[in-house]
Amino acid sequence: MMDETRPLFVQIAEQIEASVLDGSLVEGERAPSTNELASFHRINPATAAKGINLLVDRGILIKRRGLGMFVAEGAREILREERRRSFSEHHLDPMLTEAHAIGLSVETVIGLLRERAEQSGPQK
């Protein structure tokens, strides 16, 4: 389902990223073509191509002339590292800033995280 708050080409890229991360699209496997994506989502092929090109530029997909787009070797780890970095910047940094402001030590924050994790149930 498309989200009207973000550009379609970004959503296309994110859907492919999610497929790589969850293993439904594996490294070395052919990715959906621009035309397949455009047809499936009922969007302009240029919009689908823009999303694909975001992934090519980041080394997630590679073009094989005459064969199509394929998931690059190491793509899953690239995505995981990007997500780790983003998680740290968007979640951990603000949390640590707030912890410092209210006088919590790193050890106390770690303890609070452990408590929450235990309350939320088994983790993967």
Protein backbone atom coordinates (compact mmCIF):
# COMPACT_ATOMS: atom_id res chain seq x y z
CA MET A 1 0.00 0.00 0.00
CA MET A 2 1.36 3.39 -0.95
CA ASP A 3 1.82 6.20 1.56
CA GLU A 4 0.77 9.56 0.16
CA THR A 5 3.09 11.47 2.49
CA ARG A 6 6.32 10.31 0.79
CA PRO A 7 7.34 10.32 -2.87
CA LEU A 8 6.40 7.16 -4.78
CA PHE A 9 9.94 6.53 -5.99
CA VAL A 10 11.17 6.49 -2.36
CA GLN A 11 8.43 4.03 -1.44
CA ILE A 12 9.41 1.77 -4.36
CA ALA A 13 13.01 1.77 -3.14
CA GLU A 14 11.90 1.07 0.44
CA GLN A 15 9.76 -1.88 -0.65
CA ILE A 16 12.69 -3.46 -2.45
CA GLU A 17 14.93 -2.76 0.56
CA ALA A 18 12.41 -4.50 2.83
CA SER A 19 12.41 -7.53 0.51
CA VAL A 20 16.20 -7.72 0.65
CA LEU A 21 16.24 -7.35 4.44
CA ASP A 22 13.56 -10.00 5.05
CA GLY A 23 15.21 -12.41 2.63
CA SER A 24 12.37 -12.62 0.13
CA LEU A 25 14.77 -11.07 -2.43
CA VAL A 26 18.22 -12.61 -2.04
CA GLU A 27 21.63 -11.45 -3.17
CA GLY A 28 22.28 -12.41 -6.78
CA GLU A 29 18.57 -12.72 -7.54
CA ARG A 30 16.86 -10.73 -10.28
CA ALA A 31 14.94 -7.74 -8.92
CA PRO A 32 11.62 -6.58 -10.37
CA SER A 33 12.05 -4.53 -13.51
CA THR A 34 11.00 -0.92 -13.89
CA ASN A 35 8.09 -2.00 -16.08
CA GLU A 36 7.00 -4.73 -13.65
CA LEU A 37 7.01 -2.25 -10.77
CA ALA A 38 5.19 0.38 -12.83
CA SER A 39 2.53 -2.10 -13.88
CA PHE A 40 2.08 -3.56 -10.40
CA HIS A 41 1.79 -0.17 -8.68
CA ARG A 42 0.07 1.52 -11.62
CA ILE A 43 2.64 4.28 -11.77
CA ASN A 44 4.74 5.90 -14.48
CA PRO A 45 7.78 3.76 -15.42
CA ALA A 46 10.00 6.85 -14.94
CA THR A 47 8.90 6.98 -11.29
CA ALA A 48 9.73 3.30 -10.81
CA ALA A 49 13.09 3.85 -12.53
CA LYS A 50 13.87 6.69 -10.14
CA GLY A 51 13.31 4.35 -7.18
CA ILE A 52 15.47 1.64 -8.76
CA ASN A 53 18.22 4.17 -9.45
CA LEU A 54 18.31 5.16 -5.77
CA LEU A 55 19.20 1.55 -5.00
CA VAL A 56 21.74 1.30 -7.83
CA ASP A 57 23.46 4.47 -6.60
CA ARG A 58 23.80 2.94 -3.11
CA GLY A 59 25.12 -0.40 -4.35
CA ILE A 60 21.99 -2.36 -3.41
CA LEU A 61 21.07 -3.26 -6.99
CA ILE A 62 23.34 -3.74 -9.98
CA LYS A 63 22.48 -3.48 -13.65
CA ARG A 64 23.41 -6.39 -15.89
CA ARG A 65 23.20 -5.20 -19.44
CA GLY A 66 20.49 -7.04 -21.32
CA LEU A 67 19.50 -9.09 -18.26
CA GLY A 68 17.99 -6.58 -15.85
CA MET A 69 18.53 -5.54 -12.26
CA PHE A 70 19.96 -7.87 -9.66
CA VAL A 71 20.48 -7.69 -5.92
CA ALA A 72 24.15 -6.93 -5.34
CA GLU A 73 26.38 -9.15 -3.24
CA GLY A 74 26.57 -7.58 0.21
CA ALA A 75 23.33 -5.62 -0.28
CA ARG A 76 21.70 -7.00 2.85
CA GLU A 77 24.66 -5.98 5.01
CA ILE A 78 24.77 -2.52 3.41
CA LEU A 79 21.09 -2.06 4.29
CA ARG A 80 21.56 -3.36 7.82
CA GLU A 81 24.47 -0.96 8.40
CA GLU A 82 22.44 1.96 7.03
CA ARG A 83 19.56 1.05 9.33
CA ARG A 84 21.88 0.71 12.33
CA ARG A 85 23.29 4.16 11.64
CA SER A 86 19.83 5.64 11.21
CA PHE A 87 18.57 3.93 14.37
CA SER A 88 21.46 5.38 16.34
CA GLU A 89 21.00 8.90 14.97
CA HIS A 90 17.20 9.01 15.28
CA HIS A 91 16.65 7.03 18.47
CA LEU A 92 19.78 6.54 20.55
CA ASP A 93 21.26 10.02 20.22
CA PRO A 94 18.08 11.79 21.40
CA MET A 95 17.62 9.22 24.17
CA LEU A 96 21.17 9.73 25.44
CA THR A 97 20.79 13.51 25.26
CA GLU A 98 17.65 13.30 27.40
CA ALA A 99 19.29 10.81 29.79
CA HIS A 100 22.19 13.21 30.28
CA ALA A 101 19.80 16.14 30.83
CA ILE A 102 17.99 14.31 33.64
CA GLY A 103 21.13 12.86 35.20
CA LEU A 104 20.89 9.22 34.18
CA SER A 105 24.13 7.29 33.77
CA VAL A 106 24.76 5.05 30.77
CA GLU A 107 24.55 2.06 33.09
CA THR A 108 21.10 3.18 34.30
CA VAL A 109 19.92 3.63 30.71
CA ILE A 110 21.17 0.15 29.82
CA GLY A 111 19.34 -1.24 32.85
CA LEU A 112 16.13 0.51 31.78
CA LEU A 113 16.50 -0.90 28.27
CA ARG A 114 16.96 -4.42 29.66
CA GLU A 115 13.84 -4.04 31.82
CA ARG A 116 11.79 -2.87 28.82
CA ALA A 117 13.12 -5.68 26.66
CA GLU A 118 12.13 -8.25 29.28
CA GLN A 119 8.67 -6.72 29.57
CA SER A 120 8.13 -6.80 25.82
CA GLY A 121 8.71 -10.54 25.58
CA PRO A 122 11.19 -12.79 23.79
CA GLN A 123 13.58 -11.11 21.37
CA LYS A 124 15.02 -12.53 18.16
